[in-house]
């Protein structure tokens, strides 16, 4: 019974830690596989100085990714 209670407490701590992590929108290490992901995240268009910008998402090389 003690083992089960300890495991339950550990699980609760993990959930609390996950909830206190910064949101992805604030994470400068964010990456997107494609423009669909960018649009679904509500971040399109992405500019060169913004987190998640990648030259592979910028088809015309103008510093703005996923503008269409």
N, C-alpha and C. Protein backbone atom coordinates (compact mmCIF):
# COMPACT_ATOMS: atom_id res chain seq x y z
N UNK A 1 0.83 -1.20 0.00
CA UNK A 1 0.00 0.00 0.00
C UNK A 1 0.87 1.25 0.00
N UNK A 2 1.96 1.21 0.75
CA UNK A 2 2.87 2.36 0.79
C UNK A 2 3.48 2.62 -0.59
N UNK A 3 3.84 1.55 -1.27
CA UNK A 3 4.44 1.66 -2.60
C UNK A 3 3.45 2.32 -3.57
N UNK A 4 2.21 1.91 -3.48
CA UNK A 4 1.18 2.47 -4.36
C UNK A 4 0.97 3.96 -4.07
N UNK A 5 0.96 4.34 -2.81
CA UNK A 5 0.78 5.74 -2.44
C UNK A 5 1.97 6.57 -2.92
N UNK A 6 3.18 6.01 -2.80
CA UNK A 6 4.38 6.72 -3.24
C UNK A 6 4.34 6.93 -4.75
N UNK A 7 3.93 5.90 -5.49
CA UNK A 7 3.85 6.02 -6.95
C UNK A 7 2.81 7.07 -7.35
N UNK A 8 1.69 7.09 -6.66
CA UNK A 8 0.65 8.08 -6.94
C UNK A 8 1.19 9.49 -6.72
N UNK A 9 1.94 9.67 -5.65
CA UNK A 9 2.50 10.99 -5.35
C UNK A 9 3.51 11.40 -6.43
N UNK A 10 4.33 10.46 -6.89
CA UNK A 10 5.30 10.74 -7.96
C UNK A 10 4.57 11.17 -9.23
N UNK A 11 3.50 10.47 -9.57
CA UNK A 11 2.74 10.81 -10.77
C UNK A 11 2.16 12.21 -10.67
N UNK A 12 1.66 12.57 -9.49
CA UNK A 12 1.11 13.91 -9.30
C UNK A 12 2.20 14.96 -9.47
N UNK A 13 3.39 14.68 -8.96
CA UNK A 13 4.49 15.63 -9.09
C UNK A 13 4.86 15.83 -10.56
N UNK A 14 4.85 14.75 -11.33
CA UNK A 14 5.18 14.85 -12.76
C UNK A 14 4.16 15.73 -13.48
N UNK A 15 2.90 15.56 -13.14
CA UNK A 15 1.84 16.36 -13.76
C UNK A 15 2.04 17.83 -13.40
N UNK A 16 2.32 18.11 -12.14
CA UNK A 16 2.53 19.49 -11.71
C UNK A 16 3.74 20.10 -12.41
N UNK A 17 4.81 19.34 -12.57
CA UNK A 17 6.00 19.85 -13.25
C UNK A 17 5.68 20.15 -14.71
N UNK A 18 4.93 19.29 -15.35
CA UNK A 18 4.57 19.50 -16.75
C UNK A 18 3.73 20.77 -16.90
N UNK A 19 2.87 21.03 -15.94
CA UNK A 19 2.00 22.20 -16.01
C UNK A 19 2.78 23.49 -15.80
N UNK A 20 3.92 23.43 -15.10
CA UNK A 20 4.68 24.64 -14.84
C UNK A 20 5.72 24.92 -15.92
N UNK A 21 5.85 24.02 -16.89
CA UNK A 21 6.78 24.24 -18.00
C UNK A 21 6.29 25.43 -18.82
N UNK A 22 7.19 26.22 -19.39
CA UNK A 22 6.73 27.34 -20.21
C UNK A 22 5.98 26.84 -21.45
N UNK A 23 5.05 27.60 -21.90
CA UNK A 23 4.26 27.23 -23.08
C UNK A 23 5.15 27.21 -24.32
N UNK A 24 4.78 26.42 -25.30
CA UNK A 24 5.58 26.29 -26.52
C UNK A 24 5.74 27.63 -27.23
N UNK A 25 4.77 28.50 -27.11
CA UNK A 25 4.85 29.80 -27.76
C UNK A 25 5.99 30.66 -27.24
N UNK A 26 6.47 30.35 -26.04
CA UNK A 26 7.56 31.12 -25.45
C UNK A 26 8.91 30.43 -25.64
N UNK A 27 8.92 29.31 -26.32
CA UNK A 27 10.11 28.50 -26.43
C UNK A 27 10.88 28.86 -27.69
N UNK A 28 12.11 29.34 -27.54
CA UNK A 28 12.89 29.74 -28.71
C UNK A 28 13.42 28.53 -29.47
N UNK A 29 13.25 27.32 -28.93
CA UNK A 29 13.71 26.11 -29.61
C UNK A 29 12.59 25.43 -30.40
N UNK A 30 11.48 26.11 -30.57
CA UNK A 30 10.35 25.51 -31.28
C UNK A 30 10.72 25.29 -32.75
N UNK A 31 10.29 24.15 -33.29
CA UNK A 31 10.52 23.86 -34.71
C UNK A 31 9.22 23.34 -35.32
N UNK A 32 9.05 23.61 -36.58
CA UNK A 32 7.88 23.15 -37.31
C UNK A 32 8.34 22.32 -38.49
N UNK A 33 7.64 21.22 -38.75
CA UNK A 33 8.00 20.35 -39.88
C UNK A 33 7.61 20.99 -41.20
N UNK A 34 6.50 21.73 -41.18
CA UNK A 34 6.00 22.33 -42.42
C UNK A 34 5.06 23.49 -42.10
N UNK A 35 4.61 24.16 -43.13
CA UNK A 35 3.76 25.34 -42.93
C UNK A 35 2.39 24.97 -42.37
N UNK A 36 1.93 23.76 -42.61
CA UNK A 36 0.66 23.34 -42.02
C UNK A 36 0.75 23.37 -40.50
N UNK A 37 1.88 22.91 -39.95
CA UNK A 37 2.08 22.96 -38.50
C UNK A 37 2.11 24.40 -38.01
N UNK A 38 2.78 25.27 -38.76
CA UNK A 38 2.87 26.68 -38.38
C UNK A 38 1.46 27.29 -38.34
N UNK A 39 0.68 27.02 -39.38
CA UNK A 39 -0.68 27.58 -39.46
C UNK A 39 -1.57 27.01 -38.37
N UNK A 40 -1.46 25.70 -38.10
CA UNK A 40 -2.27 25.08 -37.05
C UNK A 40 -1.93 25.64 -35.67
N UNK A 41 -0.69 26.08 -35.50
CA UNK A 41 -0.26 26.69 -34.23
C UNK A 41 -0.65 28.16 -34.16
N UNK A 42 -1.20 28.69 -35.25
CA UNK A 42 -1.61 30.09 -35.28
C UNK A 42 -0.43 31.05 -35.36
N UNK A 43 0.69 30.60 -35.92
CA UNK A 43 1.91 31.41 -35.95
C UNK A 43 2.27 31.95 -37.33
N UNK A 44 1.47 31.62 -38.35
CA UNK A 44 1.80 32.08 -39.71
C UNK A 44 1.36 33.51 -39.91
N UNK A 45 2.10 34.32 -40.65
CA UNK A 45 3.43 34.00 -41.19
C UNK A 45 4.50 34.14 -40.11
N UNK A 46 5.61 33.44 -40.35
CA UNK A 46 6.76 33.49 -39.44
C UNK A 46 7.83 34.38 -40.06
N UNK A 47 8.37 35.29 -39.27
CA UNK A 47 9.44 36.16 -39.74
C UNK A 47 10.79 35.64 -39.28
N UNK A 48 11.84 36.01 -39.98
CA UNK A 48 13.19 35.50 -39.77
C UNK A 48 13.63 35.56 -38.30
N UNK A 49 13.25 36.57 -37.56
CA UNK A 49 13.70 36.72 -36.17
C UNK A 49 12.78 36.04 -35.16
N UNK A 50 11.76 35.33 -35.61
CA UNK A 50 10.82 34.69 -34.70
C UNK A 50 11.20 33.24 -34.43
N UNK A 51 10.88 32.74 -33.21
CA UNK A 51 11.12 31.32 -32.92
C UNK A 51 10.35 30.44 -33.89
N UNK A 52 10.99 29.40 -34.39
CA UNK A 52 10.35 28.46 -35.31
C UNK A 52 10.62 28.76 -36.77
N UNK A 53 11.14 29.97 -37.06
CA UNK A 53 11.45 30.30 -38.46
C UNK A 53 12.55 29.38 -38.96
N UNK A 54 12.41 28.95 -40.19
CA UNK A 54 13.44 28.14 -40.84
C UNK A 54 13.47 28.51 -42.31
N UNK A 55 14.66 28.58 -42.87
CA UNK A 55 14.78 28.92 -44.29
C UNK A 55 14.07 27.88 -45.17
N UNK A 56 13.94 26.64 -44.69
CA UNK A 56 13.24 25.62 -45.50
C UNK A 56 11.74 25.91 -45.59
N UNK A 57 11.21 26.71 -44.66
CA UNK A 57 9.80 27.10 -44.72
C UNK A 57 9.60 28.38 -45.53
N UNK A 58 10.70 29.03 -45.88
CA UNK A 58 10.67 30.31 -46.60
C UNK A 58 11.02 30.05 -48.06
N UNK A 59 10.01 29.70 -48.85
CA UNK A 59 10.25 29.28 -50.24
C UNK A 59 10.93 30.32 -51.10
N UNK A 60 10.56 31.59 -50.95
CA UNK A 60 11.14 32.62 -51.82
C UNK A 60 12.31 33.36 -51.18
N UNK A 61 12.69 32.98 -49.97
CA UNK A 61 13.89 33.54 -49.35
C UNK A 61 13.79 35.00 -48.95
N UNK A 62 12.57 35.48 -48.72
CA UNK A 62 12.40 36.90 -48.39
C UNK A 62 12.37 37.18 -46.88
N UNK A 63 12.61 36.15 -46.07
CA UNK A 63 12.61 36.34 -44.62
C UNK A 63 11.24 36.15 -43.98
N UNK A 64 10.26 35.77 -44.78
CA UNK A 64 8.91 35.51 -44.27
C UNK A 64 8.52 34.09 -44.68
N UNK A 65 8.32 33.22 -43.70
CA UNK A 65 7.96 31.83 -43.98
C UNK A 65 6.46 31.63 -43.86
N UNK A 66 5.93 30.77 -44.68
CA UNK A 66 4.51 30.37 -44.63
C UNK A 66 3.56 31.55 -44.79
N UNK A 67 3.90 32.47 -45.68
CA UNK A 67 3.05 33.64 -45.84
C UNK A 67 1.81 33.38 -46.69
N UNK A 68 1.75 32.24 -47.36
CA UNK A 68 0.58 31.94 -48.21
C UNK A 68 -0.19 30.75 -47.70
